[in-house]
Structure formats: structure tokens, C-alpha cells
Amino acid sequence: MDAQRLINMIVSIFTRRLINFGINKGVDAVARKGKPNGRMTAEDRKQVQDARALAKRARQAAKITRRLGR
């Protein structure tokens, strides 16, 4: 394996992690509707928790769909 391929693999791993981190932060921000944790009611917290669970299920479904497509 040459050095260029190795560098490309490492860069792609870090890029993928960075993009996933950004997507997760964005989903959390949308779920919270821009409210800080201190100003949320118990109902708001429950709604955020449900939204995060829904996003997690969507990611799992996408992963399963990609596996079936192979």
C-alpha cells in the first residue's frame, strides 16, 4: 500500500467522523428548537428525547437498507 492511499484512508475516516458529529449536533439543535437546557420544561425534554430516539432509529434503518443493497 502506498503512502497516498494510506493518507486518503485516514483523511476519509476523520472526515466521516466530523460530518457525523455535525449531523448529530444539528439534529439535537433542531430537536431542542433552539432552547437551552435550563429553559426547557419537562414536556420539552420528553419531546427532545423522543426526537433523538426517532433520529437514532432512522440512522439504523438507513444502515440496514445499505447492507441489504449490497
PDB file of N, CA and C in Angstrom:
ATOM      1  N   MET A   1       0.850  -1.171   0.000  1.00  0.00           N
ATOM      2  CA  MET A   1       0.000   0.000   0.000  1.00  0.00           C
ATOM      3  C   MET A   1       0.897   1.235   0.000  1.00  0.00           C
ATOM      4  N   ASP A   2       0.649   2.124  -0.923  1.00  0.00           N
ATOM      5  CA  ASP A   2       1.482   3.314  -0.999  1.00  0.00           C
ATOM      6  C   ASP A   2       1.000   4.387  -0.014  1.00  0.00           C
ATOM      7  N   ALA A   3       1.826   5.384   0.167  1.00  0.00           N
ATOM      8  CA  ALA A   3       1.568   6.417   1.175  1.00  0.00           C
ATOM      9  C   ALA A   3       0.319   7.237   0.833  1.00  0.00           C
ATOM     10  N   GLN A   4       0.094   7.488  -0.438  1.00  0.00           N
ATOM     11  CA  GLN A   4      -1.063   8.303  -0.825  1.00  0.00           C
ATOM     12  C   GLN A   4      -2.378   7.628  -0.454  1.00  0.00           C
ATOM     13  N   ARG A   5      -2.487   6.325  -0.680  1.00  0.00           N
ATOM     14  CA  ARG A   5      -3.704   5.597  -0.317  1.00  0.00           C
ATOM     15  C   ARG A   5      -3.914   5.596   1.181  1.00  0.00           C
ATOM     16  N   LEU A   6      -2.841   5.439   1.930  1.00  0.00           N
ATOM     17  CA  LEU A   6      -2.925   5.433   3.385  1.00  0.00           C
ATOM     18  C   LEU A   6      -3.399   6.789   3.901  1.00  0.00           C
ATOM     19  N   ILE A   7      -2.849   7.861   3.350  1.00  0.00           N
ATOM     20  CA  ILE A   7      -3.261   9.211   3.747  1.00  0.00           C
ATOM     21  C   ILE A   7      -4.728   9.438   3.390  1.00  0.00           C
ATOM     22  N   ASN A   8      -5.141   9.013   2.205  1.00  0.00           N
ATOM     23  CA  ASN A   8      -6.539   9.168   1.803  1.00  0.00           C
ATOM     24  C   ASN A   8      -7.481   8.416   2.729  1.00  0.00           C
ATOM     25  N   MET A   9      -7.108   7.212   3.155  1.00  0.00           N
ATOM     26  CA  MET A   9      -7.939   6.440   4.072  1.00  0.00           C
ATOM     27  C   MET A   9      -8.079   7.151   5.407  1.00  0.00           C
ATOM     28  N   ILE A  10      -6.991   7.668   5.935  1.00  0.00           N
ATOM     29  CA  ILE A  10      -7.025   8.351   7.227  1.00  0.00           C
ATOM     30  C   ILE A  10      -7.851   9.630   7.137  1.00  0.00           C
ATOM     31  N   VAL A  11      -7.654  10.386   6.064  1.00  0.00           N
ATOM     32  CA  VAL A  11      -8.418  11.625   5.885  1.00  0.00           C
ATOM     33  C   VAL A  11      -9.907  11.313   5.755  1.00  0.00           C
ATOM     34  N   SER A  12     -10.254  10.268   5.040  1.00  0.00           N
ATOM     35  CA  SER A  12     -11.671   9.937   4.869  1.00  0.00           C
ATOM     36  C   SER A  12     -12.304   9.488   6.185  1.00  0.00           C
ATOM     37  N   ILE A  13     -11.555   8.776   7.020  1.00  0.00           N
ATOM     38  CA  ILE A  13     -12.070   8.364   8.330  1.00  0.00           C
ATOM     39  C   ILE A  13     -12.387   9.590   9.179  1.00  0.00           C
ATOM     40  N   PHE A  14     -11.439  10.537   9.242  1.00  0.00           N
ATOM     41  CA  PHE A  14     -11.669  11.735  10.051  1.00  0.00           C
ATOM     42  C   PHE A  14     -12.779  12.599   9.471  1.00  0.00           C
ATOM     43  N   THR A  15     -12.858  12.684   8.158  1.00  0.00           N
ATOM     44  CA  THR A  15     -13.917  13.462   7.520  1.00  0.00           C
ATOM     45  C   THR A  15     -15.282  12.868   7.842  1.00  0.00           C
ATOM     46  N   ARG A  16     -15.400  11.559   7.756  1.00  0.00           N
ATOM     47  CA  ARG A  16     -16.661  10.879   8.053  1.00  0.00           C
ATOM     48  C   ARG A  16     -17.086  11.123   9.498  1.00  0.00           C
ATOM     49  N   ARG A  17     -16.124  11.029  10.422  1.00  0.00           N
ATOM     50  CA  ARG A  17     -16.446  11.270  11.834  1.00  0.00           C
ATOM     51  C   ARG A  17     -16.876  12.706  12.069  1.00  0.00           C
ATOM     52  N   LEU A  18     -16.203  13.643  11.430  1.00  0.00           N
ATOM     53  CA  LEU A  18     -16.539  15.061  11.588  1.00  0.00           C
ATOM     54  C   LEU A  18     -17.934  15.357  11.030  1.00  0.00           C
ATOM     55  N   ILE A  19     -18.259  14.802   9.889  1.00  0.00           N
ATOM     56  CA  ILE A  19     -19.576  15.010   9.297  1.00  0.00           C
ATOM     57  C   ILE A  19     -20.663  14.393  10.172  1.00  0.00           C
ATOM     58  N   ASN A  20     -20.438  13.190  10.675  1.00  0.00           N
ATOM     59  CA  ASN A  20     -21.418  12.546  11.559  1.00  0.00           C
ATOM     60  C   ASN A  20     -21.626  13.351  12.828  1.00  0.00           C
ATOM     61  N   PHE A  21     -20.542  13.892  13.386  1.00  0.00           N
ATOM     62  CA  PHE A  21     -20.639  14.725  14.582  1.00  0.00           C
ATOM     63  C   PHE A  21     -21.497  15.957  14.293  1.00  0.00           C
ATOM     64  N   GLY A  22     -21.259  16.601  13.166  1.00  0.00           N
ATOM     65  CA  GLY A  22     -22.032  17.783  12.796  1.00  0.00           C
ATOM     66  C   GLY A  22     -23.504  17.472  12.571  1.00  0.00           C
ATOM     67  N   ILE A  23     -23.786  16.357  11.933  1.00  0.00           N
ATOM     68  CA  ILE A  23     -25.175  15.966  11.696  1.00  0.00           C
ATOM     69  C   ILE A  23     -25.877  15.697  13.023  1.00  0.00           C
ATOM     70  N   ASN A  24     -25.215  14.999  13.934  1.00  0.00           N
ATOM     71  CA  ASN A  24     -25.816  14.714  15.231  1.00  0.00           C
ATOM     72  C   ASN A  24     -26.078  15.988  16.014  1.00  0.00           C
ATOM     73  N   LYS A  25     -25.141  16.928  15.980  1.00  0.00           N
ATOM     74  CA  LYS A  25     -25.346  18.208  16.667  1.00  0.00           C
ATOM     75  C   LYS A  25     -26.504  18.972  16.044  1.00  0.00           C
ATOM     76  N   GLY A  26     -26.626  18.931  14.742  1.00  0.00           N
ATOM     77  CA  GLY A  26     -27.726  19.605  14.064  1.00  0.00           C
ATOM     78  C   GLY A  26     -29.073  19.004  14.419  1.00  0.00           C
ATOM     79  N   VAL A  27     -29.145  17.683  14.474  1.00  0.00           N
ATOM     80  CA  VAL A  27     -30.391  17.008  14.861  1.00  0.00           C
ATOM     81  C   VAL A  27     -30.762  17.398  16.283  1.00  0.00           C
ATOM     82  N   ASP A  28     -29.786  17.432  17.183  1.00  0.00           N
ATOM     83  CA  ASP A  28     -30.054  17.828  18.564  1.00  0.00           C
ATOM     84  C   ASP A  28     -30.544  19.268  18.639  1.00  0.00           C
ATOM     85  N   ALA A  29     -29.952  20.164  17.872  1.00  0.00           N
ATOM     86  CA  ALA A  29     -30.355  21.571  17.885  1.00  0.00           C
ATOM     87  C   ALA A  29     -31.784  21.729  17.373  1.00  0.00           C
ATOM     88  N   VAL A  30     -32.132  20.999  16.320  1.00  0.00           N
ATOM     89  CA  VAL A  30     -33.488  21.064  15.784  1.00  0.00           C
ATOM     90  C   VAL A  30     -34.470  20.467  16.783  1.00  0.00           C
ATOM     91  N   ALA A  31     -34.084  19.387  17.443  1.00  0.00           N
ATOM     92  CA  ALA A  31     -34.968  18.749  18.415  1.00  0.00           C
ATOM     93  C   ALA A  31     -35.232  19.681  19.603  1.00  0.00           C
ATOM     94  N   ARG A  32     -34.225  20.452  20.002  1.00  0.00           N
ATOM     95  CA  ARG A  32     -34.391  21.372  21.126  1.00  0.00           C
ATOM     96  C   ARG A  32     -35.090  22.658  20.717  1.00  0.00           C
ATOM     97  N   LYS A  33     -35.224  22.891  19.421  1.00  0.00           N
ATOM     98  CA  LYS A  33     -35.846  24.107  18.888  1.00  0.00           C
ATOM     99  C   LYS A  33     -35.132  25.364  19.363  1.00  0.00           C
ATOM    100  N   GLY A  34     -33.845  25.270  19.572  1.00  0.00           N
ATOM    101  CA  GLY A  34     -33.048  26.423  19.936  1.00  0.00           C
ATOM    102  C   GLY A  34     -33.103  26.808  21.401  1.00  0.00           C
ATOM    103  N   LYS A  35     -33.792  26.038  22.217  1.00  0.00           N
ATOM    104  CA  LYS A  35     -33.894  26.370  23.637  1.00  0.00           C
ATOM    105  C   LYS A  35     -32.711  25.791  24.403  1.00  0.00           C
ATOM    106  N   PRO A  36     -32.126  26.550  25.326  1.00  0.00           N
ATOM    107  CA  PRO A  36     -31.099  25.968  26.191  1.00  0.00           C
ATOM    108  C   PRO A  36     -31.748  25.014  27.195  1.00  0.00           C
ATOM    109  N   ASN A  37     -30.954  24.103  27.730  1.00  0.00           N
ATOM    110  CA  ASN A  37     -31.492  23.088  28.631  1.00  0.00           C
ATOM    111  C   ASN A  37     -32.176  23.682  29.863  1.00  0.00           C
ATOM    112  N   GLY A  38     -31.695  24.795  30.356  1.00  0.00           N
ATOM    113  CA  GLY A  38     -32.259  25.393  31.555  1.00  0.00           C
ATOM    114  C   GLY A  38     -33.658  25.940  31.369  1.00  0.00           C
ATOM    115  N   ARG A  39     -34.029  26.309  30.160  1.00  0.00           N
ATOM    116  CA  ARG A  39     -35.335  26.917  29.905  1.00  0.00           C
ATOM    117  C   ARG A  39     -36.368  25.927  29.396  1.00  0.00           C
ATOM    118  N   MET A  40     -36.029  24.652  29.331  1.00  0.00           N
ATOM    119  CA  MET A  40     -36.965  23.654  28.831  1.00  0.00           C
ATOM    120  C   MET A  40     -37.817  23.107  29.972  1.00  0.00           C
ATOM    121  N   THR A  41     -39.063  22.860  29.658  1.00  0.00           N
ATOM    122  CA  THR A  41     -39.950  22.224  30.624  1.00  0.00           C
ATOM    123  C   THR A  41     -39.778  20.714  30.523  1.00  0.00           C
ATOM    124  N   ALA A  42     -40.427  20.002  31.430  1.00  0.00           N
ATOM    125  CA  ALA A  42     -40.347  18.538  31.395  1.00  0.00           C
ATOM    126  C   ALA A  42     -40.937  17.997  30.096  1.00  0.00           C
ATOM    127  N   GLU A  43     -41.977  18.648  29.610  1.00  0.00           N
ATOM    128  CA  GLU A  43     -42.581  18.223  28.348  1.00  0.00           C
ATOM    129  C   GLU A  43     -41.621  18.438  27.182  1.00  0.00           C
ATOM    130  N   ASP A  44     -40.904  19.562  27.200  1.00  0.00           N
ATOM    131  CA  ASP A  44     -39.914  19.831  26.158  1.00  0.00           C
ATOM    132  C   ASP A  44     -38.805  18.787  26.179  1.00  0.00           C
ATOM    133  N   ARG A  45     -38.343  18.438  27.361  1.00  0.00           N
ATOM    134  CA  ARG A  45     -37.276  17.427  27.482  1.00  0.00           C
ATOM    135  C   ARG A  45     -37.736  16.080  26.936  1.00  0.00           C
ATOM    136  N   LYS A  46     -38.987  15.718  27.230  1.00  0.00           N
ATOM    137  CA  LYS A  46     -39.541  14.461  26.726  1.00  0.00           C
ATOM    138  C   LYS A  46     -39.607  14.489  25.202  1.00  0.00           C
ATOM    139  N   GLN A  47     -39.996  15.631  24.653  1.00  0.00           N
ATOM    140  CA  GLN A  47     -40.088  15.766  23.200  1.00  0.00           C
ATOM    141  C   GLN A  47     -38.702  15.651  22.558  1.00  0.00           C
ATOM    142  N   VAL A  48     -37.695  16.259  23.183  1.00  0.00           N
ATOM    143  CA  VAL A  48     -36.323  16.172  22.680  1.00  0.00           C
ATOM    144  C   VAL A  48     -35.835  14.729  22.729  1.00  0.00           C
ATOM    145  N   GLN A  49     -36.134  14.051  23.831  1.00  0.00           N
ATOM    146  CA  GLN A  49     -35.718  12.654  23.971  1.00  0.00           C
ATOM    147  C   GLN A  49     -36.372  11.794  22.883  1.00  0.00           C
ATOM    148  N   ASP A  50     -37.648  12.021  22.615  1.00  0.00           N
ATOM    149  CA  ASP A  50     -38.340  11.266  21.567  1.00  0.00           C
ATOM    150  C   ASP A  50     -37.756  11.571  20.186  1.00  0.00           C
ATOM    151  N   ALA A  51     -37.413  12.829  19.937  1.00  0.00           N
ATOM    152  CA  ALA A  51     -36.835  13.204  18.645  1.00  0.00           C
ATOM    153  C   ALA A  51     -35.473  12.544  18.451  1.00  0.00           C
ATOM    154  N   ARG A  52     -34.677  12.496  19.507  1.00  0.00           N
ATOM    155  CA  ARG A  52     -33.366  11.833  19.404  1.00  0.00           C
ATOM    156  C   ARG A  52     -33.528  10.346  19.135  1.00  0.00           C
ATOM    157  N   ALA A  53     -34.500   9.709  19.805  1.00  0.00           N
ATOM    158  CA  ALA A  53     -34.747   8.285  19.575  1.00  0.00           C
ATOM    159  C   ALA A  53     -35.202   8.044  18.137  1.00  0.00           C
ATOM    160  N   LEU A  54     -36.041   8.928  17.619  1.00  0.00           N
ATOM    161  CA  LEU A  54     -36.503   8.803  16.236  1.00  0.00           C
ATOM    162  C   LEU A  54     -35.344   8.948  15.253  1.00  0.00           C
ATOM    163  N   ALA A  55     -34.455   9.893  15.511  1.00  0.00           N
ATOM    164  CA  ALA A  55     -33.291  10.074  14.647  1.00  0.00           C
ATOM    165  C   ALA A  55     -32.380   8.855  14.694  1.00  0.00           C
ATOM    166  N   LYS A  56     -32.240   8.274  15.869  1.00  0.00           N
ATOM    167  CA  LYS A  56     -31.404   7.073  16.009  1.00  0.00           C
ATOM    168  C   LYS A  56     -31.999   5.910  15.211  1.00  0.00           C
ATOM    169  N   ARG A  57     -33.319   5.753  15.303  1.00  0.00           N
ATOM    170  CA  ARG A  57     -33.978   4.690  14.530  1.00  0.00           C
ATOM    171  C   ARG A  57     -33.840   4.928  13.035  1.00  0.00           C
ATOM    172  N   ALA A  58     -33.896   6.188  12.617  1.00  0.00           N
ATOM    173  CA  ALA A  58     -33.738   6.497  11.196  1.00  0.00           C
ATOM    174  C   ALA A  58     -32.328   6.148  10.718  1.00  0.00           C
ATOM    175  N   ARG A  59     -31.309   6.458  11.541  1.00  0.00           N
ATOM    176  CA  ARG A  59     -29.935   6.092  11.171  1.00  0.00           C
ATOM    177  C   ARG A  59     -29.782   4.578  11.092  1.00  0.00           C
ATOM    178  N   GLN A  60     -30.393   3.853  12.032  1.00  0.00           N
ATOM    179  CA  GLN A  60     -30.309   2.393  11.998  1.00  0.00           C
ATOM    180  C   GLN A  60     -31.001   1.832  10.760  1.00  0.00           C
ATOM    181  N   ALA A  61     -32.146   2.395  10.402  1.00  0.00           N
ATOM    182  CA  ALA A  61     -32.864   1.933   9.214  1.00  0.00           C
ATOM    183  C   ALA A  61     -32.049   2.195   7.950  1.00  0.00           C
ATOM    184  N   ALA A  62     -31.385   3.349   7.898  1.00  0.00           N
ATOM    185  CA  ALA A  62     -30.549   3.653   6.740  1.00  0.00           C
ATOM    186  C   ALA A  62     -29.386   2.682   6.649  1.00  0.00           C
ATOM    187  N   LYS A  63     -28.809   2.339   7.782  1.00  0.00           N
ATOM    188  CA  LYS A  63     -27.691   1.398   7.798  1.00  0.00           C
ATOM    189  C   LYS A  63     -28.137   0.015   7.315  1.00  0.00           C
ATOM    190  N   ILE A  64     -29.298  -0.429   7.785  1.00  0.00           N
ATOM    191  CA  ILE A  64     -29.809  -1.734   7.377  1.00  0.00           C
ATOM    192  C   ILE A  64     -30.121  -1.728   5.873  1.00  0.00           C
ATOM    193  N   THR A  65     -30.690  -0.644   5.385  1.00  0.00           N
ATOM    194  CA  THR A  65     -31.010  -0.544   3.961  1.00  0.00           C
ATOM    195  C   THR A  65     -29.746  -0.609   3.116  1.00  0.00           C
ATOM    196  N   ARG A  66     -28.689   0.063   3.576  1.00  0.00           N
ATOM    197  CA  ARG A  66     -27.418  -0.007   2.829  1.00  0.00           C
ATOM    198  C   ARG A  66     -26.868  -1.424   2.825  1.00  0.00           C
ATOM    199  N   ARG A  67     -26.991  -2.128   3.948  1.00  0.00           N
ATOM    200  CA  ARG A  67     -26.490  -3.505   3.999  1.00  0.00           C
ATOM    201  C   ARG A  67     -27.273  -4.418   3.052  1.00  0.00           C
ATOM    202  N   LEU A  68     -28.584  -4.238   3.003  1.00  0.00           N
ATOM    203  CA  LEU A  68     -29.394  -5.064   2.118  1.00  0.00           C
ATOM    204  C   LEU A  68     -29.127  -4.780   0.650  1.00  0.00           C
ATOM    205  N   GLY A  69     -28.698  -3.569   0.348  1.00  0.00           N
ATOM    206  CA  GLY A  69     -28.416  -3.186  -1.026  1.00  0.00           C
ATOM    207  C   GLY A  69     -27.110  -3.728  -1.572  1.00  0.00           C
ATOM    208  N   ARG A  70     -26.307  -4.326  -0.725  1.00  0.00           N
ATOM    209  CA  ARG A  70     -25.005  -4.850  -1.193  1.00  0.00           C
ATOM    210  C   ARG A  70     -25.150  -6.112  -1.972  1.00  0.00           C
TER     211      ARG A  70
END
